[in-house]
Amino acid sequence: MLEEPYQSSLPQLFSEWDAAQLLGCAPGTLPKARKQGLIGYVRLGKGIFYTEEQLQEYLDLLTVQPQKGE
């Protein structure tokens, strides 16, 4: 049993549904991106989860920077 106060150094894990809600994308987007190797994930048993860092890296990958005018 953990004693109070206890602070974990483990990252928060988001389910695919929760992660899709946070990103504002369709629920099927993340499984497709995962299968394409575009996003990292955590597998616990049969469950798939994402850390905040993995979601941020995915967003960074998808971010298109504006072209600088000349």
N, C-alpha and C. Protein backbone atom coordinates (compact mmCIF):
# COMPACT_ATOMS: atom_id res chain seq x y z
N MET A 1 0.85 -1.18 0.00
CA MET A 1 0.00 0.00 0.00
C MET A 1 0.89 1.24 0.00
N LEU A 2 0.53 2.23 -0.81
CA LEU A 2 1.29 3.47 -0.89
C LEU A 2 0.89 4.41 0.23
N GLU A 3 1.88 5.05 0.79
CA GLU A 3 1.60 5.99 1.87
C GLU A 3 1.33 7.37 1.30
N GLU A 4 0.51 8.14 1.98
CA GLU A 4 0.23 9.52 1.57
C GLU A 4 1.29 10.44 2.13
N PRO A 5 1.69 11.52 1.55
CA PRO A 5 1.41 11.85 0.16
C PRO A 5 2.37 11.10 -0.77
N TYR A 6 1.87 10.64 -1.88
CA TYR A 6 2.67 9.89 -2.84
C TYR A 6 2.57 10.60 -4.19
N GLN A 7 3.73 10.89 -4.76
CA GLN A 7 3.76 11.49 -6.09
C GLN A 7 4.49 10.53 -7.01
N SER A 8 3.83 10.15 -8.06
CA SER A 8 4.41 9.23 -9.02
C SER A 8 5.22 9.99 -10.05
N SER A 9 6.32 9.40 -10.47
CA SER A 9 7.10 9.98 -11.55
C SER A 9 6.69 9.36 -12.88
N LEU A 10 5.68 8.49 -12.84
CA LEU A 10 5.19 7.87 -14.06
C LEU A 10 4.31 8.86 -14.83
N PRO A 11 4.35 8.79 -16.17
CA PRO A 11 3.52 9.71 -16.95
C PRO A 11 2.05 9.29 -16.91
N GLN A 12 1.18 10.27 -17.09
CA GLN A 12 -0.24 9.96 -17.20
C GLN A 12 -0.47 9.25 -18.53
N LEU A 13 -1.30 8.23 -18.53
CA LEU A 13 -1.61 7.48 -19.74
C LEU A 13 -3.03 7.80 -20.20
N PHE A 14 -3.16 8.05 -21.50
CA PHE A 14 -4.45 8.37 -22.09
C PHE A 14 -4.88 7.22 -23.00
N SER A 15 -6.13 6.78 -22.86
CA SER A 15 -6.65 5.75 -23.75
C SER A 15 -6.75 6.34 -25.16
N GLU A 16 -6.96 5.47 -26.14
CA GLU A 16 -7.09 5.97 -27.51
C GLU A 16 -8.27 6.94 -27.62
N TRP A 17 -9.36 6.62 -26.95
CA TRP A 17 -10.53 7.50 -27.01
C TRP A 17 -10.22 8.85 -26.36
N ASP A 18 -9.60 8.83 -25.18
CA ASP A 18 -9.27 10.08 -24.49
C ASP A 18 -8.26 10.90 -25.29
N ALA A 19 -7.26 10.23 -25.87
CA ALA A 19 -6.25 10.92 -26.66
C ALA A 19 -6.88 11.57 -27.89
N ALA A 20 -7.79 10.87 -28.54
CA ALA A 20 -8.48 11.43 -29.71
C ALA A 20 -9.29 12.65 -29.30
N GLN A 21 -9.94 12.58 -28.15
CA GLN A 21 -10.70 13.73 -27.65
C GLN A 21 -9.78 14.92 -27.40
N LEU A 22 -8.62 14.68 -26.79
CA LEU A 22 -7.67 15.76 -26.52
C LEU A 22 -7.16 16.40 -27.80
N LEU A 23 -6.91 15.58 -28.82
CA LEU A 23 -6.39 16.08 -30.08
C LEU A 23 -7.47 16.64 -30.99
N GLY A 24 -8.70 16.31 -30.70
CA GLY A 24 -9.80 16.78 -31.54
C GLY A 24 -9.88 16.03 -32.86
N CYS A 25 -9.52 14.77 -32.84
CA CYS A 25 -9.56 13.97 -34.07
C CYS A 25 -10.55 12.82 -33.92
N ALA A 26 -10.85 12.18 -35.03
CA ALA A 26 -11.76 11.04 -35.03
C ALA A 26 -11.13 9.87 -34.28
N PRO A 27 -11.93 9.04 -33.62
CA PRO A 27 -11.39 7.91 -32.86
C PRO A 27 -10.52 6.96 -33.68
N GLY A 28 -10.77 6.85 -34.97
CA GLY A 28 -9.98 5.95 -35.81
C GLY A 28 -8.65 6.50 -36.27
N THR A 29 -8.41 7.78 -36.03
CA THR A 29 -7.17 8.41 -36.49
C THR A 29 -5.94 7.84 -35.81
N LEU A 30 -5.98 7.69 -34.50
CA LEU A 30 -4.79 7.23 -33.77
C LEU A 30 -4.43 5.78 -34.06
N PRO A 31 -5.39 4.86 -34.14
CA PRO A 31 -5.01 3.49 -34.52
C PRO A 31 -4.33 3.43 -35.89
N LYS A 32 -4.82 4.23 -36.84
CA LYS A 32 -4.20 4.27 -38.17
C LYS A 32 -2.78 4.82 -38.08
N ALA A 33 -2.61 5.92 -37.33
CA ALA A 33 -1.29 6.52 -37.18
C ALA A 33 -0.33 5.56 -36.48
N ARG A 34 -0.83 4.83 -35.50
CA ARG A 34 -0.01 3.87 -34.77
C ARG A 34 0.46 2.75 -35.70
N LYS A 35 -0.45 2.24 -36.52
CA LYS A 35 -0.10 1.16 -37.45
C LYS A 35 0.87 1.62 -38.53
N GLN A 36 0.85 2.92 -38.84
CA GLN A 36 1.77 3.49 -39.83
C GLN A 36 3.11 3.88 -39.20
N GLY A 37 3.22 3.73 -37.88
CA GLY A 37 4.46 4.08 -37.19
C GLY A 37 4.65 5.57 -36.99
N LEU A 38 3.56 6.33 -37.01
CA LEU A 38 3.65 7.79 -36.88
C LEU A 38 3.55 8.27 -35.43
N ILE A 39 3.10 7.39 -34.54
CA ILE A 39 2.95 7.79 -33.13
C ILE A 39 3.39 6.64 -32.23
N GLY A 40 4.12 6.99 -31.20
CA GLY A 40 4.52 6.00 -30.21
C GLY A 40 3.36 5.70 -29.28
N TYR A 41 3.44 4.60 -28.58
CA TYR A 41 2.36 4.20 -27.69
C TYR A 41 2.87 3.27 -26.60
N VAL A 42 2.01 3.02 -25.62
CA VAL A 42 2.30 2.11 -24.53
C VAL A 42 1.27 0.99 -24.60
N ARG A 43 1.75 -0.25 -24.58
CA ARG A 43 0.83 -1.39 -24.57
C ARG A 43 0.85 -2.00 -23.17
N LEU A 44 -0.33 -2.03 -22.54
CA LEU A 44 -0.50 -2.67 -21.24
C LEU A 44 -1.55 -3.75 -21.41
N GLY A 45 -1.10 -4.99 -21.40
CA GLY A 45 -2.02 -6.08 -21.68
C GLY A 45 -2.54 -5.93 -23.10
N LYS A 46 -3.84 -5.87 -23.25
CA LYS A 46 -4.45 -5.66 -24.57
C LYS A 46 -4.75 -4.19 -24.84
N GLY A 47 -4.51 -3.34 -23.85
CA GLY A 47 -4.83 -1.92 -23.99
C GLY A 47 -3.71 -1.12 -24.64
N ILE A 48 -4.11 -0.10 -25.38
CA ILE A 48 -3.17 0.83 -26.01
C ILE A 48 -3.38 2.19 -25.35
N PHE A 49 -2.26 2.80 -24.92
CA PHE A 49 -2.31 4.09 -24.26
C PHE A 49 -1.24 5.00 -24.83
N TYR A 50 -1.40 6.31 -24.60
CA TYR A 50 -0.46 7.31 -25.08
C TYR A 50 -0.08 8.23 -23.93
N THR A 51 1.19 8.64 -23.91
CA THR A 51 1.63 9.63 -22.94
C THR A 51 1.47 11.02 -23.56
N GLU A 52 1.50 12.03 -22.73
CA GLU A 52 1.43 13.41 -23.21
C GLU A 52 2.60 13.69 -24.16
N GLU A 53 3.77 13.17 -23.83
CA GLU A 53 4.95 13.36 -24.68
C GLU A 53 4.73 12.73 -26.07
N GLN A 54 4.16 11.54 -26.12
CA GLN A 54 3.91 10.89 -27.41
C GLN A 54 2.89 11.67 -28.23
N LEU A 55 1.87 12.20 -27.58
CA LEU A 55 0.88 13.00 -28.28
C LEU A 55 1.51 14.29 -28.81
N GLN A 56 2.37 14.91 -28.02
CA GLN A 56 3.04 16.13 -28.46
C GLN A 56 3.96 15.86 -29.64
N GLU A 57 4.70 14.75 -29.59
CA GLU A 57 5.58 14.39 -30.70
C GLU A 57 4.78 14.15 -31.98
N TYR A 58 3.62 13.54 -31.85
CA TYR A 58 2.75 13.31 -33.00
C TYR A 58 2.26 14.64 -33.57
N LEU A 59 1.85 15.55 -32.70
CA LEU A 59 1.43 16.88 -33.16
C LEU A 59 2.58 17.60 -33.85
N ASP A 60 3.77 17.51 -33.28
CA ASP A 60 4.94 18.15 -33.89
C ASP A 60 5.20 17.60 -35.28
N LEU A 61 5.02 16.29 -35.45
CA LEU A 61 5.22 15.64 -36.74
C LEU A 61 4.22 16.15 -37.78
N LEU A 62 3.00 16.43 -37.33
CA LEU A 62 1.95 16.86 -38.24
C LEU A 62 1.92 18.37 -38.48
N THR A 63 2.68 19.11 -37.70
CA THR A 63 2.67 20.56 -37.80
C THR A 63 3.40 21.02 -39.05
N VAL A 64 2.73 21.87 -39.82
CA VAL A 64 3.34 22.45 -41.02
C VAL A 64 3.65 23.91 -40.72
N GLN A 65 4.90 24.25 -40.84
CA GLN A 65 5.33 25.62 -40.59
C GLN A 65 5.06 26.48 -41.83
N PRO A 66 4.69 27.74 -41.62
CA PRO A 66 4.45 28.60 -42.79
C PRO A 66 5.74 28.86 -43.55
N GLN A 67 5.59 29.03 -44.85
CA GLN A 67 6.75 29.38 -45.67
C GLN A 67 7.02 30.86 -45.50
N LYS A 68 8.28 31.19 -45.38
CA LYS A 68 8.67 32.58 -45.19
C LYS A 68 8.63 33.30 -46.53
N GLY A 69 7.95 34.44 -46.56
CA GLY A 69 7.89 35.24 -47.78
C GLY A 69 9.21 35.93 -48.05
N GLU A 70 9.43 36.21 -49.29
CA GLU A 70 10.70 36.85 -49.64
C GLU A 70 10.49 38.26 -50.08
